[in-house]
Amino acid sequence: MPYSLSAAPRRLSEIAEDLGLSQSTVSRALSGKGRVSQDTRKRVMQYIQETGYRPNSIAKGLAQKKTFNLCALLPDDALSSQMPFFHECLMGIGSAAVKHDYDVIITTVSETNCEQLKRVIFADKADGYIIMRAVSDDQAMALLKSHGLPFVLIGSCDEDDVPCVDTDNAASSEKLTLSVIDEGSSRPALLLGNMRYAVNRSRAKGFYQALEKRSLPSPAVYDGLGTAEEINSALSAAVGAGADAIVCGDDFICGQVLKELRGTEAKMSVASLYGSSMLSLIGTVKMAEFADARELGAQAAEKLLTIID
């Protein structure tokens, strides 16, 4: 018997009525769990194929004891220049989640505040979590671990039991720094942000590896830079110490360095260990290869969904 797509049912009761079955039988046939004859399951599956029926997400969740939500943890202390990266990650997470009939909810966390995450956990609002920035001694990660909840980290981690997706920031940093050196720099200085972030530690590692390969002396390294004033002060110190090139940990630092150098007579190459669309508009800046943030987000969601299933 054919069924009209325009009149596709929205409730289990409608399917049950049309097929002459009980709602519990239809539910078991849809979930694939419980005792249902092969003929009955085939009838139900043929029905939903012909009508275009999609199970109500709440009912489906109750049947399978899932929320069909993934929770993305967005750093609430991220700089405005970092938001394009997180936005692209979220787009990737969403595109992967929807393929599996999942939705994405977003909550914010900081190094010292996980209150919003606690509310999501205690209300059982998500089946799994994606941490979007790696921090040493991460409170969010510790909280998820303590509750035995599945999660994936976008970034690297020193703990072997943490599932991660990441680009090789150390290798990318080494490659760019070697390029700066081979173009004539013998005293490059490194300007970095917060070293609690795993990405900055990886970029510093690659920078040191490059100098070691070229047998250059210990460089000037300035980290913990988060404001324009701190960046300007570090730049002034690096120039005063004889630096002939500035390698910047990210596009925010690089943009500030370029702005500050524009008003001086200092002539030196500037490079960024994070390539961004903002810096791509400036042809004089050497950049690391673009990290595909959207692909990282998609990979994180797919990995998490595999863990959940």
Protein backbone atom coordinates (compact mmCIF):
# COMPACT_ATOMS: atom_id res chain seq x y z
CA MET A 1 0.00 0.00 0.00
CA PRO A 2 1.59 3.35 -1.02
CA TYR A 3 1.74 6.26 1.47
CA SER A 4 1.74 9.95 0.67
CA LEU A 5 4.93 11.92 1.45
CA SER A 6 2.84 15.05 1.94
CA ALA A 7 1.06 13.29 4.77
CA ALA A 8 4.15 11.82 6.40
CA PRO A 9 3.32 10.85 10.01
CA ARG A 10 5.11 12.54 12.90
CA ARG A 11 4.14 10.21 15.75
CA LEU A 12 4.67 6.55 16.50
CA SER A 13 0.95 6.28 17.17
CA GLU A 14 0.20 7.20 13.55
CA ILE A 15 2.58 4.55 12.22
CA ALA A 16 1.12 1.98 14.59
CA GLU A 17 -2.42 2.85 13.48
CA ASP A 18 -1.56 2.70 9.77
CA LEU A 19 0.21 -0.65 10.09
CA GLY A 20 -2.09 -2.19 12.66
CA LEU A 21 0.73 -2.62 15.18
CA SER A 22 1.26 -1.54 18.76
CA GLN A 23 3.41 1.53 19.45
CA SER A 24 5.91 -0.57 21.43
CA THR A 25 6.34 -2.91 18.44
CA VAL A 26 6.97 0.05 16.11
CA SER A 27 9.44 1.55 18.61
CA ARG A 28 11.40 -1.71 18.83
CA ALA A 29 11.45 -2.02 15.05
CA LEU A 30 12.83 1.51 14.66
CA SER A 31 15.43 1.21 17.40
CA GLY A 32 16.60 -2.23 16.31
CA LYS A 33 16.36 -3.42 19.91
CA GLY A 34 13.96 -5.90 21.42
CA ARG A 35 12.13 -8.86 19.95
CA VAL A 36 10.49 -8.04 16.63
CA SER A 37 9.99 -10.44 13.74
CA GLN A 38 11.96 -9.83 10.58
CA ASP A 39 8.75 -9.42 8.57
CA THR A 40 7.42 -6.77 10.98
CA ARG A 41 10.70 -4.86 10.98
CA LYS A 42 10.70 -4.96 7.18
CA ARG A 43 7.13 -3.60 7.06
CA VAL A 44 8.01 -0.71 9.39
CA MET A 45 11.20 0.18 7.53
CA GLN A 46 9.41 0.07 4.17
CA TYR A 47 6.71 2.33 5.60
CA ILE A 48 9.12 5.02 6.81
CA GLN A 49 11.04 4.86 3.53
CA GLU A 50 7.88 5.45 1.52
CA THR A 51 6.52 8.20 3.78
CA GLY A 52 9.77 10.01 4.56
CA TYR A 53 9.11 9.62 8.28
CA ARG A 54 11.88 10.75 10.64
CA PRO A 55 11.57 9.75 14.30
CA ASN A 56 10.97 12.59 16.73
CA SER A 57 14.36 13.32 18.30
CA ILE A 58 12.99 13.37 21.84
CA ALA A 59 11.18 10.07 21.42
CA LYS A 60 14.21 8.60 19.70
CA GLY A 61 16.42 9.79 22.53
CA LEU A 62 14.16 8.28 25.16
CA ALA A 63 14.11 4.98 23.30
CA GLN A 64 17.89 4.81 22.99
CA LYS A 65 18.72 6.66 26.23
CA LYS A 66 20.50 9.40 24.31
CA THR A 67 20.05 13.15 23.98
CA PHE A 68 21.37 13.28 20.40
CA ASN A 69 23.28 16.41 21.38
CA LEU A 70 26.99 17.08 21.26
CA CYS A 71 28.35 19.87 23.46
CA ALA A 72 31.15 22.08 22.16
CA LEU A 73 33.19 23.87 24.84
CA LEU A 74 34.08 27.34 23.60
CA PRO A 75 36.75 29.28 25.57
CA ASP A 76 35.05 32.38 26.98
CA ASP A 77 38.40 34.14 27.30
CA ALA A 78 39.37 33.73 23.65
CA LEU A 79 40.68 36.85 21.96
CA SER A 80 38.53 38.33 19.20
CA SER A 81 41.25 37.42 16.68
CA GLN A 82 40.92 33.76 17.69
CA MET A 83 37.18 33.60 17.06
CA PRO A 84 37.39 32.88 13.30
CA PHE A 85 39.25 29.65 14.13
CA PHE A 86 36.65 28.57 16.69
CA HIS A 87 33.82 29.58 14.37
CA GLU A 88 35.22 27.37 11.60
CA CYS A 89 35.64 24.52 14.08
CA LEU A 90 32.01 24.85 15.09
CA MET A 91 30.93 24.78 11.45
CA GLY A 92 32.84 21.53 10.99
CA ILE A 93 31.38 20.02 14.16
CA GLY A 94 27.87 20.94 13.06
CA SER A 95 28.26 19.55 9.54
CA ALA A 96 29.50 16.21 10.88
CA ALA A 97 26.91 16.02 13.66
CA VAL A 98 23.91 16.57 11.41
CA LYS A 99 24.92 13.59 9.26
CA HIS A 100 24.30 11.42 12.32
CA ASP A 101 21.05 13.16 13.37
CA TYR A 102 22.85 15.00 16.16
CA ASP A 103 22.54 18.64 17.19
CA VAL A 104 25.28 20.79 18.69
CA ILE A 105 24.93 22.87 21.83
CA ILE A 106 27.59 25.37 22.84
CA THR A 107 28.74 26.22 26.33
CA THR A 108 31.62 28.40 27.46
CA VAL A 109 34.45 27.52 29.80
CA SER A 110 37.57 29.27 31.01
CA GLU A 111 40.67 28.10 32.83
CA THR A 112 39.01 28.85 36.17
CA ASN A 113 35.26 28.61 35.50
CA CYS A 114 33.31 25.52 34.41
CA GLU A 115 29.93 26.42 35.89
CA GLN A 116 28.06 26.32 32.57
CA LEU A 117 29.61 22.96 31.74
CA LYS A 118 28.52 21.60 35.14
CA ARG A 119 24.91 22.58 34.38
CA VAL A 120 25.03 20.74 31.06
CA ILE A 121 26.49 17.64 32.72
CA PHE A 122 24.09 17.55 35.65
CA ALA A 123 21.08 18.08 33.37
CA ASP A 124 22.25 15.25 31.05
CA LYS A 125 21.95 17.53 28.03
CA ALA A 126 24.68 15.95 25.89
CA ASP A 127 25.99 12.53 24.93
CA GLY A 128 29.56 13.74 24.42
CA TYR A 129 31.77 16.81 24.58
CA ILE A 130 34.33 18.52 22.37
CA ILE A 131 36.99 20.62 24.10
CA MET A 132 38.03 23.27 21.60
CA ARG A 133 41.26 24.43 23.22
CA ALA A 134 43.85 22.46 25.14
CA VAL A 135 45.12 23.93 28.41
CA SER A 136 47.54 22.36 30.87
CA ASP A 137 45.76 21.08 34.02
CA ASP A 138 42.47 21.61 32.21
CA GLN A 139 39.54 21.82 34.65
CA ALA A 140 36.95 20.98 32.01
CA MET A 141 38.83 17.85 31.02
CA ALA A 142 39.22 16.80 34.65
CA LEU A 143 35.48 17.34 35.23
CA LEU A 144 34.49 15.24 32.23
CA LYS A 145 36.90 12.50 33.26
CA SER A 146 35.56 12.44 36.81
CA HIS A 147 32.05 11.78 35.49
CA GLY A 148 33.23 9.19 32.97
CA LEU A 149 31.86 11.18 30.04
CA PRO A 150 33.11 10.77 26.46
CA PHE A 151 35.00 13.72 25.01
CA VAL A 152 37.47 14.64 22.28
CA LEU A 153 40.08 17.38 22.43
CA ILE A 154 40.89 19.65 19.50
CA GLY A 155 44.60 20.10 20.03
CA SER A 156 47.40 18.10 21.57
CA CYS A 157 47.71 16.76 25.08
CA ASP A 158 50.44 15.26 27.25
CA GLU A 159 48.06 12.57 28.52
CA ASP A 160 48.11 9.41 26.39
CA ASP A 161 44.53 8.40 27.23
CA VAL A 162 42.94 11.58 25.86
CA PRO A 163 41.44 11.28 22.34
CA CYS A 164 42.70 14.21 20.25
CA VAL A 165 42.56 15.65 16.75
CA ASP A 166 45.21 18.15 15.79
CA THR A 167 47.57 19.45 13.15
CA ASP A 168 51.30 19.02 13.68
CA ASN A 169 52.02 22.50 15.03
CA ALA A 170 55.59 21.65 16.01
CA ALA A 171 56.48 20.49 12.48
CA SER A 172 54.77 23.51 10.94
CA SER A 173 56.64 25.84 13.30
CA GLU A 174 59.97 24.19 12.55
CA LYS A 175 59.41 24.45 8.81
CA LEU A 176 58.55 28.15 8.92
CA THR A 177 61.41 29.02 11.27
CA LEU A 178 63.89 27.17 9.06
CA SER A 179 62.61 29.22 6.13
CA VAL A 180 63.20 32.47 8.06
CA ILE A 181 66.72 31.37 8.98
CA ASP A 182 67.61 30.20 5.49
CA GLU A 183 66.57 33.56 4.09
CA GLY A 184 69.25 35.27 6.16
CA SER A 185 68.23 35.48 9.81
CA SER A 186 70.81 34.41 12.39
CA ARG A 187 69.10 35.84 15.48
CA PRO A 188 65.34 35.29 15.25
CA ALA A 189 63.23 36.12 18.29
CA LEU A 190 60.04 34.30 19.22
CA LEU A 191 56.96 36.09 20.60
CA LEU A 192 54.29 33.78 22.04
CA GLY A 193 51.06 33.89 24.00
CA ASN A 194 50.06 31.91 27.10
CA MET A 195 52.28 28.84 27.50
CA ARG A 196 49.48 26.99 29.31
CA TYR A 197 47.98 26.48 25.87
CA ALA A 198 49.30 23.30 24.29
CA VAL A 199 49.41 24.89 20.84
CA ASN A 200 51.92 27.50 22.03
CA ARG A 201 54.12 24.86 23.62
CA SER A 202 54.11 22.91 20.35
CA ARG A 203 55.00 26.00 18.33
CA ALA A 204 57.84 26.82 20.72
CA LYS A 205 59.12 23.26 20.37
CA GLY A 206 59.27 23.56 16.58
CA PHE A 207 61.06 26.92 16.83
CA TYR A 208 63.77 25.46 19.09
CA GLN A 209 64.15 22.44 16.81
CA ALA A 210 64.79 24.72 13.84
CA LEU A 211 67.51 26.66 15.67
CA GLU A 212 69.14 23.43 16.78
CA LYS A 213 69.19 22.14 13.20
CA ARG A 214 70.99 25.30 12.05
CA SER A 215 73.27 25.36 15.12
CA LEU A 216 72.19 28.86 16.10
CA PRO A 217 72.69 30.22 19.64
CA SER A 218 69.91 30.30 22.22
CA PRO A 219 67.26 32.71 20.96
CA ALA A 220 65.35 35.48 22.64
CA VAL A 221 61.94 34.10 23.57
CA TYR A 222 59.12 36.17 25.02
CA ASP A 223 55.92 34.39 26.08
CA GLY A 224 52.76 35.06 28.03
CA LEU A 225 51.88 37.92 25.68
CA GLY A 226 48.20 38.75 25.66
CA THR A 227 47.86 42.51 25.26
CA ALA A 228 49.16 45.08 22.79
CA GLU A 229 51.27 46.64 25.54
CA GLU A 230 52.91 43.31 26.39
CA ILE A 231 53.62 42.60 22.72
CA ASN A 232 55.10 46.04 22.14
CA SER A 233 57.32 45.69 25.20
CA ALA A 234 58.56 42.26 24.08
CA LEU A 235 59.21 43.54 20.56
CA SER A 236 61.23 46.46 21.91
CA ALA A 237 63.27 44.09 24.06
CA ALA A 238 63.87 41.72 21.13
CA VAL A 239 65.06 44.55 18.85
CA GLY A 240 67.27 45.86 21.65
CA ALA A 241 68.80 42.40 22.05
CA GLY A 242 69.79 42.32 18.38
CA ALA A 243 67.02 40.22 16.85
CA ASP A 244 67.04 40.34 13.05
CA ALA A 245 63.66 38.58 12.57
CA ILE A 246 60.48 38.23 14.59
CA VAL A 247 58.61 34.92 14.64
CA CYS A 248 55.12 35.40 16.07
CA GLY A 249 53.10 32.68 17.75
CA ASP A 250 49.80 33.72 16.18
CA ASP A 251 48.12 36.26 13.93
CA PHE A 252 47.13 38.58 16.80
CA ILE A 253 50.74 38.97 17.91
CA CYS A 254 51.88 39.28 14.31
CA GLY A 255 49.37 41.99 13.53
CA GLN A 256 50.48 44.02 16.54
CA VAL A 257 54.16 43.56 15.66
CA LEU A 258 53.56 44.81 12.12
CA LYS A 259 51.64 47.79 13.44
CA GLU A 260 54.42 48.71 15.87
CA LEU A 261 57.25 48.24 13.36
CA ARG A 262 55.46 50.47 10.88
CA GLY A 263 56.36 53.48 13.00
CA THR A 264 60.04 52.63 13.38
CA GLU A 265 63.10 52.37 11.18
CA ALA A 266 63.69 48.74 12.14
CA LYS A 267 64.01 46.53 9.07
CA MET A 268 63.42 42.84 9.74
CA SER A 269 61.37 39.96 8.47
CA VAL A 270 58.21 39.02 10.34
CA ALA A 271 56.61 35.59 10.32
CA SER A 272 53.50 34.08 11.91
CA LEU A 273 53.28 30.50 13.13
CA TYR A 274 49.53 30.63 12.52
CA GLY A 275 48.34 31.47 9.04
CA SER A 276 45.07 33.37 8.91
CA SER A 277 42.86 35.14 6.40
CA MET A 278 43.64 38.40 8.17
CA LEU A 279 47.37 38.08 7.56
CA SER A 280 46.91 36.70 4.06
CA LEU A 281 45.97 40.22 3.00
CA ILE A 282 49.49 41.39 3.88
CA GLY A 283 51.95 40.08 1.33
CA THR A 284 55.09 40.83 3.34
CA VAL A 285 54.36 38.32 6.10
CA LYS A 286 55.66 34.76 6.03
CA MET A 287 53.04 32.40 7.39
CA ALA A 288 52.76 28.79 8.40
CA GLU A 289 50.39 26.68 6.34
CA PHE A 290 46.72 27.32 7.03
CA ALA A 291 45.18 24.98 9.57
CA ASP A 292 41.85 23.69 8.27
CA ALA A 293 39.78 24.49 11.35
CA ARG A 294 36.54 23.27 9.77
CA GLU A 295 38.10 19.90 9.00
CA LEU A 296 39.48 19.66 12.55
CA GLY A 297 35.99 20.27 13.91
CA ALA A 298 34.48 17.63 11.63
CA GLN A 299 37.15 15.11 12.58
CA ALA A 300 36.56 15.80 16.28
CA ALA A 301 32.81 15.23 15.93
CA GLU A 302 33.25 12.02 13.92
CA LYS A 303 35.74 10.70 16.46
CA LEU A 304 33.44 11.53 19.36
CA LEU A 305 30.45 9.89 17.69
CA THR A 306 32.51 6.74 17.17
CA ILE A 307 33.35 6.72 20.87
CA ILE A 308 29.70 7.28 21.83
CA ASP A 309 28.46 4.45 19.61
